[in-house]
Amino acid sequence: MIEKLEMNMKLIGVNNKPFDYLYRANNRCSIDELVGKAVRGLAYSDEYFQILTDDCIYIFYHEQDCCESVWLTQVDGISDKLIGSRIVIAEVVTKTGEHGVIDTDEYDSITWSFYKIGTNKGMIDFRWCGESNGYYSETVDLIKIEV
């Protein structure tokens, strides 16, 4: 399990009110929107990754449905030197497979999502894993909340 980290920011709950009811569907955004933003804070656990900028909090998480499991498996590159840096690269690559192609014990389908956030002072890489029976989403959601 990934340990919780907070750098210069107050966390916004992912699985509790008011987040569930106020923010989700209406604030979805593209990862491209991060380019040009200044990093003011970072926070993550195995359920979310948050980036605080001058005007927004960007939250990577998974909207739980039923018979799937999605979690943050690895984060590399977190450092105090990133605070105040400007994002120059923001991209995601996904790799999907079925049971036997990518080994999974419980589910029939698996999706890996690899995120790269590059700044003028360093790179953050984080990886999510999603598993399901093949019917439910295994992807990561991204929303922004204006602050």
N, C-alpha and C. Protein backbone atom coordinates (compact mmCIF):
# COMPACT_ATOMS: atom_id res chain seq x y z
N MET A 1 0.84 -1.18 0.00
CA MET A 1 0.00 0.00 0.00
C MET A 1 0.89 1.25 0.00
N ILE A 2 0.50 2.24 -0.76
CA ILE A 2 1.23 3.50 -0.84
C ILE A 2 0.92 4.34 0.39
N GLU A 3 1.96 4.93 0.96
CA GLU A 3 1.71 5.78 2.12
C GLU A 3 1.16 7.13 1.68
N LYS A 4 0.40 7.75 2.55
CA LYS A 4 -0.21 9.04 2.25
C LYS A 4 0.86 10.13 2.33
N LEU A 5 0.84 11.04 1.39
CA LEU A 5 1.78 12.15 1.36
C LEU A 5 1.03 13.45 1.16
N GLU A 6 1.42 14.48 1.87
CA GLU A 6 0.85 15.81 1.68
C GLU A 6 2.00 16.80 1.61
N MET A 7 2.02 17.61 0.57
CA MET A 7 3.03 18.66 0.43
C MET A 7 2.34 19.97 0.11
N ASN A 8 2.27 20.87 1.07
CA ASN A 8 1.74 22.22 0.88
C ASN A 8 0.29 22.26 0.47
N MET A 9 -0.53 21.34 0.91
CA MET A 9 -1.93 21.43 0.55
C MET A 9 -2.83 20.71 1.54
N LYS A 10 -4.04 21.16 1.60
CA LYS A 10 -5.08 20.50 2.38
C LYS A 10 -5.77 19.50 1.45
N LEU A 11 -5.95 18.29 1.93
CA LEU A 11 -6.57 17.26 1.10
C LEU A 11 -8.06 17.48 0.96
N ILE A 12 -8.57 17.10 -0.18
CA ILE A 12 -10.01 17.08 -0.41
C ILE A 12 -10.40 15.61 -0.43
N GLY A 13 -11.37 15.23 0.37
CA GLY A 13 -11.77 13.83 0.47
C GLY A 13 -12.26 13.28 -0.86
N VAL A 14 -11.87 12.08 -1.19
CA VAL A 14 -12.29 11.46 -2.44
C VAL A 14 -13.55 10.63 -2.24
N ASN A 15 -13.65 9.93 -1.14
CA ASN A 15 -14.78 9.02 -0.97
C ASN A 15 -15.77 9.47 0.10
N ASN A 16 -15.76 10.75 0.43
CA ASN A 16 -16.72 11.21 1.42
C ASN A 16 -17.34 12.52 0.99
N LYS A 17 -18.42 12.92 1.63
CA LYS A 17 -19.10 14.17 1.30
C LYS A 17 -18.19 15.33 1.66
N PRO A 18 -18.21 16.47 1.00
CA PRO A 18 -19.11 16.81 -0.09
C PRO A 18 -18.61 16.40 -1.47
N PHE A 19 -17.44 15.82 -1.55
CA PHE A 19 -16.84 15.49 -2.84
C PHE A 19 -17.78 14.66 -3.71
N ASP A 20 -18.36 13.61 -3.16
CA ASP A 20 -19.21 12.72 -3.94
C ASP A 20 -20.35 13.44 -4.65
N TYR A 21 -20.90 14.44 -4.02
CA TYR A 21 -22.12 15.04 -4.55
C TYR A 21 -21.91 16.36 -5.28
N LEU A 22 -20.83 17.06 -5.01
CA LEU A 22 -20.68 18.40 -5.55
C LEU A 22 -19.78 18.51 -6.77
N TYR A 23 -18.81 17.63 -6.89
CA TYR A 23 -17.74 17.92 -7.84
C TYR A 23 -17.62 16.99 -9.04
N ARG A 24 -17.95 15.76 -8.91
CA ARG A 24 -17.47 14.76 -9.84
C ARG A 24 -17.77 15.04 -11.31
N ALA A 25 -18.94 14.76 -11.79
CA ALA A 25 -19.22 14.75 -13.22
C ALA A 25 -19.07 16.11 -13.88
N ASN A 26 -19.37 17.18 -13.19
CA ASN A 26 -19.36 18.49 -13.82
C ASN A 26 -17.98 19.09 -13.99
N ASN A 27 -16.96 18.48 -13.42
CA ASN A 27 -15.64 19.09 -13.47
C ASN A 27 -14.58 18.20 -14.10
N ARG A 28 -15.01 17.27 -14.94
CA ARG A 28 -14.02 16.43 -15.62
C ARG A 28 -13.17 17.30 -16.54
N CYS A 29 -11.92 16.90 -16.69
CA CYS A 29 -11.02 17.69 -17.55
C CYS A 29 -10.01 16.77 -18.20
N SER A 30 -9.26 17.35 -19.11
CA SER A 30 -8.22 16.63 -19.84
C SER A 30 -6.88 16.86 -19.15
N ILE A 31 -6.01 15.87 -19.21
CA ILE A 31 -4.68 16.00 -18.61
C ILE A 31 -3.89 17.14 -19.27
N ASP A 32 -4.23 17.47 -20.51
CA ASP A 32 -3.54 18.56 -21.22
C ASP A 32 -3.70 19.90 -20.52
N GLU A 33 -4.77 20.07 -19.74
CA GLU A 33 -5.01 21.32 -19.03
C GLU A 33 -3.95 21.63 -17.98
N LEU A 34 -3.18 20.63 -17.56
CA LEU A 34 -2.14 20.84 -16.56
C LEU A 34 -0.93 21.59 -17.11
N VAL A 35 -0.69 21.49 -18.41
CA VAL A 35 0.49 22.11 -19.01
C VAL A 35 0.42 23.63 -18.84
N GLY A 36 1.51 24.18 -18.32
CA GLY A 36 1.60 25.61 -18.07
C GLY A 36 1.25 26.01 -16.65
N LYS A 37 0.68 25.10 -15.87
CA LYS A 37 0.29 25.40 -14.49
C LYS A 37 1.50 25.30 -13.56
N ALA A 38 1.50 26.11 -12.49
CA ALA A 38 2.54 26.06 -11.46
C ALA A 38 2.09 25.11 -10.35
N VAL A 39 2.98 24.23 -9.92
CA VAL A 39 2.68 23.28 -8.85
C VAL A 39 2.81 24.00 -7.51
N ARG A 40 1.73 23.99 -6.73
CA ARG A 40 1.73 24.61 -5.39
C ARG A 40 1.65 23.57 -4.28
N GLY A 41 1.23 22.35 -4.63
CA GLY A 41 1.15 21.29 -3.64
C GLY A 41 0.83 19.97 -4.29
N LEU A 42 1.18 18.87 -3.60
CA LEU A 42 0.93 17.52 -4.08
C LEU A 42 0.44 16.67 -2.92
N ALA A 43 -0.46 15.75 -3.21
CA ALA A 43 -0.93 14.81 -2.18
C ALA A 43 -1.37 13.54 -2.88
N TYR A 44 -1.16 12.41 -2.20
CA TYR A 44 -1.65 11.16 -2.78
C TYR A 44 -1.78 10.07 -1.72
N SER A 45 -2.59 9.10 -2.06
CA SER A 45 -2.69 7.84 -1.32
C SER A 45 -2.92 6.78 -2.38
N ASP A 46 -3.32 5.58 -1.99
CA ASP A 46 -3.58 4.56 -3.01
C ASP A 46 -4.90 4.79 -3.74
N GLU A 47 -5.70 5.79 -3.31
CA GLU A 47 -6.99 6.07 -3.94
C GLU A 47 -7.01 7.34 -4.77
N TYR A 48 -6.03 8.21 -4.66
CA TYR A 48 -6.05 9.47 -5.40
C TYR A 48 -4.64 10.03 -5.56
N PHE A 49 -4.52 10.95 -6.50
CA PHE A 49 -3.31 11.77 -6.67
C PHE A 49 -3.82 13.17 -6.95
N GLN A 50 -3.37 14.15 -6.15
CA GLN A 50 -3.86 15.52 -6.28
C GLN A 50 -2.70 16.47 -6.56
N ILE A 51 -2.96 17.43 -7.46
CA ILE A 51 -2.00 18.49 -7.76
C ILE A 51 -2.70 19.82 -7.53
N LEU A 52 -2.16 20.62 -6.63
CA LEU A 52 -2.67 21.96 -6.39
C LEU A 52 -1.90 22.93 -7.27
N THR A 53 -2.63 23.77 -8.01
CA THR A 53 -2.02 24.83 -8.81
C THR A 53 -2.51 26.17 -8.27
N ASP A 54 -2.19 27.25 -8.96
CA ASP A 54 -2.61 28.58 -8.49
C ASP A 54 -4.11 28.74 -8.40
N ASP A 55 -4.84 28.09 -9.31
CA ASP A 55 -6.27 28.32 -9.36
C ASP A 55 -7.14 27.07 -9.25
N CYS A 56 -6.53 25.87 -9.24
CA CYS A 56 -7.32 24.63 -9.22
C CYS A 56 -6.61 23.54 -8.43
N ILE A 57 -7.40 22.56 -8.02
CA ILE A 57 -6.87 21.29 -7.55
C ILE A 57 -7.29 20.26 -8.60
N TYR A 58 -6.32 19.55 -9.14
CA TYR A 58 -6.57 18.48 -10.09
C TYR A 58 -6.51 17.17 -9.32
N ILE A 59 -7.56 16.37 -9.45
CA ILE A 59 -7.65 15.13 -8.69
C ILE A 59 -7.78 13.95 -9.65
N PHE A 60 -6.80 13.06 -9.58
CA PHE A 60 -6.83 11.79 -10.30
C PHE A 60 -7.39 10.76 -9.31
N TYR A 61 -8.42 10.03 -9.69
CA TYR A 61 -9.04 9.04 -8.83
C TYR A 61 -9.87 8.11 -9.71
N HIS A 62 -10.52 7.15 -9.11
CA HIS A 62 -11.41 6.27 -9.87
C HIS A 62 -12.81 6.35 -9.30
N GLU A 63 -13.77 6.56 -10.17
CA GLU A 63 -15.19 6.58 -9.80
C GLU A 63 -15.65 5.13 -9.67
N GLN A 64 -15.74 4.66 -8.43
CA GLN A 64 -16.10 3.26 -8.16
C GLN A 64 -17.52 2.96 -8.63
N ASP A 65 -17.69 1.83 -9.30
CA ASP A 65 -19.01 1.43 -9.77
C ASP A 65 -19.46 0.17 -9.04
N CYS A 66 -18.98 -0.96 -9.45
CA CYS A 66 -19.47 -2.20 -8.84
C CYS A 66 -18.36 -3.22 -8.71
N CYS A 67 -18.09 -3.87 -9.80
CA CYS A 67 -17.25 -5.05 -9.78
C CYS A 67 -15.89 -4.78 -10.43
N GLU A 68 -15.22 -3.74 -9.94
CA GLU A 68 -13.90 -3.41 -10.42
C GLU A 68 -13.07 -2.89 -9.27
N SER A 69 -11.80 -2.83 -9.49
CA SER A 69 -10.89 -2.32 -8.49
C SER A 69 -9.81 -1.52 -9.22
N VAL A 70 -9.60 -0.27 -8.80
CA VAL A 70 -8.60 0.60 -9.42
C VAL A 70 -7.84 1.29 -8.30
N TRP A 71 -6.51 1.24 -8.35
CA TRP A 71 -5.71 1.83 -7.28
C TRP A 71 -4.39 2.35 -7.81
N LEU A 72 -3.83 3.31 -7.10
CA LEU A 72 -2.52 3.87 -7.40
C LEU A 72 -1.47 2.91 -6.86
N THR A 73 -0.59 2.42 -7.73
CA THR A 73 0.37 1.40 -7.32
C THR A 73 1.76 1.93 -7.06
N GLN A 74 2.14 3.03 -7.75
CA GLN A 74 3.52 3.51 -7.62
C GLN A 74 3.59 4.99 -7.96
N VAL A 75 4.42 5.72 -7.21
CA VAL A 75 4.68 7.14 -7.47
C VAL A 75 6.18 7.35 -7.37
N ASP A 76 6.77 7.96 -8.38
CA ASP A 76 8.20 8.27 -8.38
C ASP A 76 8.40 9.74 -8.70
N GLY A 77 9.44 10.32 -8.13
CA GLY A 77 9.83 11.68 -8.48
C GLY A 77 9.30 12.77 -7.57
N ILE A 78 8.58 12.42 -6.50
CA ILE A 78 8.06 13.42 -5.59
C ILE A 78 9.22 14.06 -4.82
N SER A 79 9.25 15.39 -4.82
CA SER A 79 10.32 16.11 -4.13
C SER A 79 9.84 17.53 -3.81
N ASP A 80 10.36 18.10 -2.74
CA ASP A 80 10.03 19.49 -2.39
C ASP A 80 10.42 20.47 -3.49
N LYS A 81 11.41 20.12 -4.29
CA LYS A 81 11.86 21.03 -5.35
C LYS A 81 10.79 21.24 -6.43
N LEU A 82 9.78 20.37 -6.48
CA LEU A 82 8.72 20.52 -7.48
C LEU A 82 7.75 21.65 -7.13
N ILE A 83 7.67 22.02 -5.84
CA ILE A 83 6.77 23.10 -5.43
C ILE A 83 7.27 24.40 -6.04
N GLY A 84 6.39 25.07 -6.78
CA GLY A 84 6.75 26.29 -7.48
C GLY A 84 7.19 26.07 -8.92
N SER A 85 7.38 24.81 -9.31
CA SER A 85 7.80 24.53 -10.68
C SER A 85 6.60 24.60 -11.62
N ARG A 86 6.89 24.77 -12.91
CA ARG A 86 5.85 24.87 -13.93
C ARG A 86 5.76 23.56 -14.71
N ILE A 87 4.53 23.07 -14.92
CA ILE A 87 4.32 21.82 -15.65
C ILE A 87 4.52 22.07 -17.15
N VAL A 88 5.40 21.26 -17.75
CA VAL A 88 5.70 21.40 -19.18
C VAL A 88 5.24 20.18 -19.98
N ILE A 89 5.05 19.05 -19.30
CA ILE A 89 4.58 17.83 -19.94
C ILE A 89 3.52 17.19 -19.04
N ALA A 90 2.42 16.77 -19.63
CA ALA A 90 1.39 16.02 -18.90
C ALA A 90 0.81 15.00 -19.88
N GLU A 91 1.06 13.73 -19.61
CA GLU A 91 0.59 12.72 -20.54
C GLU A 91 0.26 11.42 -19.83
N VAL A 92 -0.57 10.61 -20.49
CA VAL A 92 -0.95 9.31 -19.98
C VAL A 92 -0.86 8.28 -21.11
N VAL A 93 -0.42 7.09 -20.75
CA VAL A 93 -0.39 5.96 -21.67
C VAL A 93 -1.07 4.80 -20.94
N THR A 94 -1.96 4.10 -21.63
CA THR A 94 -2.63 2.96 -21.01
C THR A 94 -2.27 1.67 -21.74
N LYS A 95 -2.26 0.59 -21.00
CA LYS A 95 -2.01 -0.74 -21.54
C LYS A 95 -3.08 -1.66 -21.00
N THR A 96 -3.83 -2.31 -21.87
CA THR A 96 -4.90 -3.19 -21.44
C THR A 96 -4.59 -4.63 -21.82
N GLY A 97 -5.24 -5.53 -21.15
CA GLY A 97 -5.06 -6.94 -21.45
C GLY A 97 -6.20 -7.74 -20.87
N GLU A 98 -6.22 -9.00 -21.19
CA GLU A 98 -7.21 -9.92 -20.64
C GLU A 98 -6.48 -10.99 -19.86
N HIS A 99 -7.23 -11.72 -19.09
CA HIS A 99 -6.63 -12.77 -18.27
C HIS A 99 -5.76 -13.67 -19.15
N GLY A 100 -4.56 -13.92 -18.69
CA GLY A 100 -3.63 -14.73 -19.46
C GLY A 100 -2.65 -13.88 -20.24
N VAL A 101 -3.10 -12.70 -20.72
CA VAL A 101 -2.21 -11.79 -21.43
C VAL A 101 -1.40 -10.98 -20.41
N ILE A 102 -2.10 -10.40 -19.47
CA ILE A 102 -1.49 -9.77 -18.31
C ILE A 102 -2.04 -10.52 -17.12
N ASP A 103 -1.18 -11.11 -16.31
CA ASP A 103 -1.63 -12.00 -15.25
C ASP A 103 -2.49 -11.28 -14.21
N THR A 104 -3.66 -11.82 -13.96
CA THR A 104 -4.56 -11.33 -12.92
C THR A 104 -5.26 -12.53 -12.31
N ASP A 105 -5.36 -12.54 -11.01
CA ASP A 105 -5.93 -13.70 -10.32
C ASP A 105 -7.44 -13.65 -10.24
N GLU A 106 -7.99 -12.47 -9.93
CA GLU A 106 -9.41 -12.37 -9.60
C GLU A 106 -10.28 -11.93 -10.78
N TYR A 107 -9.74 -11.12 -11.68
CA TYR A 107 -10.56 -10.51 -12.72
C TYR A 107 -10.15 -10.99 -14.11
N ASP A 108 -11.02 -10.72 -15.09
CA ASP A 108 -10.77 -11.13 -16.46
C ASP A 108 -10.06 -10.07 -17.29
N SER A 109 -10.09 -8.82 -16.82
CA SER A 109 -9.53 -7.72 -17.60
C SER A 109 -8.70 -6.83 -16.69
N ILE A 110 -7.65 -6.23 -17.26
CA ILE A 110 -6.77 -5.37 -16.48
C ILE A 110 -6.31 -4.19 -17.35
N THR A 111 -6.22 -3.01 -16.75
CA THR A 111 -5.71 -1.83 -17.44
C THR A 111 -4.68 -1.15 -16.56
N TRP A 112 -3.51 -0.89 -17.13
CA TRP A 112 -2.48 -0.11 -16.47
C TRP A 112 -2.50 1.29 -17.07
N SER A 113 -2.48 2.31 -16.23
CA SER A 113 -2.42 3.71 -16.68
C SER A 113 -1.13 4.32 -16.14
N PHE A 114 -0.29 4.80 -17.05
CA PHE A 114 1.00 5.38 -16.70
C PHE A 114 0.95 6.88 -16.94
N TYR A 115 1.12 7.67 -15.89
CA TYR A 115 1.06 9.13 -15.99
C TYR A 115 2.46 9.71 -15.84
N LYS A 116 2.72 10.74 -16.65
CA LYS A 116 3.98 11.46 -16.57
C LYS A 116 3.66 12.95 -16.48
N ILE A 117 4.09 13.58 -15.39
CA ILE A 117 3.95 15.02 -15.20
C ILE A 117 5.36 15.58 -15.13
N GLY A 118 5.76 16.29 -16.16
CA GLY A 118 7.10 16.85 -16.20
C GLY A 118 7.07 18.34 -15.90
N THR A 119 7.98 18.78 -15.05
CA THR A 119 8.08 20.20 -14.72
C THR A 119 9.47 20.69 -15.10
N ASN A 120 9.67 21.99 -14.96
CA ASN A 120 10.98 22.55 -15.26
C ASN A 120 11.99 22.20 -14.17
N LYS A 121 11.56 21.49 -13.10
CA LYS A 121 12.47 21.10 -12.01
C LYS A 121 12.48 19.61 -11.72
N GLY A 122 11.79 18.84 -12.53
CA GLY A 122 11.78 17.39 -12.31
C GLY A 122 10.55 16.72 -12.88
N MET A 123 10.51 15.41 -12.76
CA MET A 123 9.46 14.59 -13.35
C MET A 123 8.77 13.78 -12.27
N ILE A 124 7.44 13.69 -12.36
CA ILE A 124 6.65 12.81 -11.50
C ILE A 124 6.06 11.73 -12.40
N ASP A 125 6.26 10.48 -12.03
CA ASP A 125 5.65 9.36 -12.73
C ASP A 125 4.76 8.63 -11.73
N PHE A 126 3.52 8.35 -12.12
CA PHE A 126 2.67 7.54 -11.26
C PHE A 126 1.87 6.56 -12.08
N ARG A 127 1.65 5.39 -11.49
CA ARG A 127 1.04 4.26 -12.20
C ARG A 127 -0.18 3.77 -11.44
N TRP A 128 -1.26 3.53 -12.18
CA TRP A 128 -2.50 2.98 -11.64
C TRP A 128 -2.74 1.61 -12.25
N CYS A 129 -3.39 0.74 -11.50
CA CYS A 129 -3.82 -0.56 -12.00
C CYS A 129 -5.32 -0.67 -11.81
N GLY A 130 -6.01 -1.12 -12.84
CA GLY A 130 -7.45 -1.35 -12.75
C GLY A 130 -7.79 -2.75 -13.23
N GLU A 131 -8.64 -3.42 -12.46
CA GLU A 131 -9.07 -4.77 -12.82
C GLU A 131 -10.59 -4.86 -12.75
N SER A 132 -11.16 -5.65 -13.65
CA SER A 132 -12.61 -5.87 -13.62
C SER A 132 -12.94 -7.16 -14.35
N ASN A 133 -14.24 -7.43 -14.43
CA ASN A 133 -14.70 -8.59 -15.19
C ASN A 133 -14.76 -8.28 -16.69
N GLY A 134 -14.35 -7.07 -17.07
CA GLY A 134 -14.37 -6.66 -18.47
C GLY A 134 -15.54 -5.78 -18.82
N TYR A 135 -16.52 -5.69 -17.94
CA TYR A 135 -17.70 -4.88 -18.19
C TYR A 135 -17.57 -3.48 -17.59
N TYR A 136 -16.87 -3.35 -16.47
CA TYR A 136 -16.76 -2.09 -15.74
C TYR A 136 -15.49 -1.35 -16.09
N SER A 137 -15.52 -0.04 -15.89
CA SER A 137 -14.37 0.81 -16.20
C SER A 137 -13.18 0.51 -15.29
N GLU A 138 -12.01 0.50 -15.87
CA GLU A 138 -10.76 0.29 -15.14
C GLU A 138 -9.86 1.52 -15.25
N THR A 139 -10.42 2.61 -15.72
CA THR A 139 -9.62 3.80 -15.99
C THR A 139 -9.66 4.78 -14.84
N VAL A 140 -8.76 5.74 -14.90
CA VAL A 140 -8.64 6.79 -13.90
C VAL A 140 -9.42 8.01 -14.36
N ASP A 141 -10.14 8.63 -13.44
CA ASP A 141 -10.88 9.86 -13.71
C ASP A 141 -10.02 11.04 -13.29
N LEU A 142 -10.18 12.15 -14.00
CA LEU A 142 -9.48 13.39 -13.66
C LEU A 142 -10.49 14.52 -13.62
N ILE A 143 -10.53 15.21 -12.50
CA ILE A 143 -11.40 16.38 -12.36
C ILE A 143 -10.57 17.55 -11.87
N LYS A 144 -11.11 18.74 -12.06
CA LYS A 144 -10.49 19.93 -11.48
C LYS A 144 -11.52 20.68 -10.66
N ILE A 145 -11.05 21.23 -9.56
CA ILE A 145 -11.88 22.00 -8.67
C ILE A 145 -11.22 23.37 -8.53
N GLU A 146 -11.95 24.40 -8.90
CA GLU A 146 -11.39 25.75 -8.78
C GLU A 146 -11.28 26.13 -7.31
N VAL A 147 -10.16 26.76 -6.97
CA VAL A 147 -9.95 27.21 -5.59
C VAL A 147 -9.82 28.72 -5.51
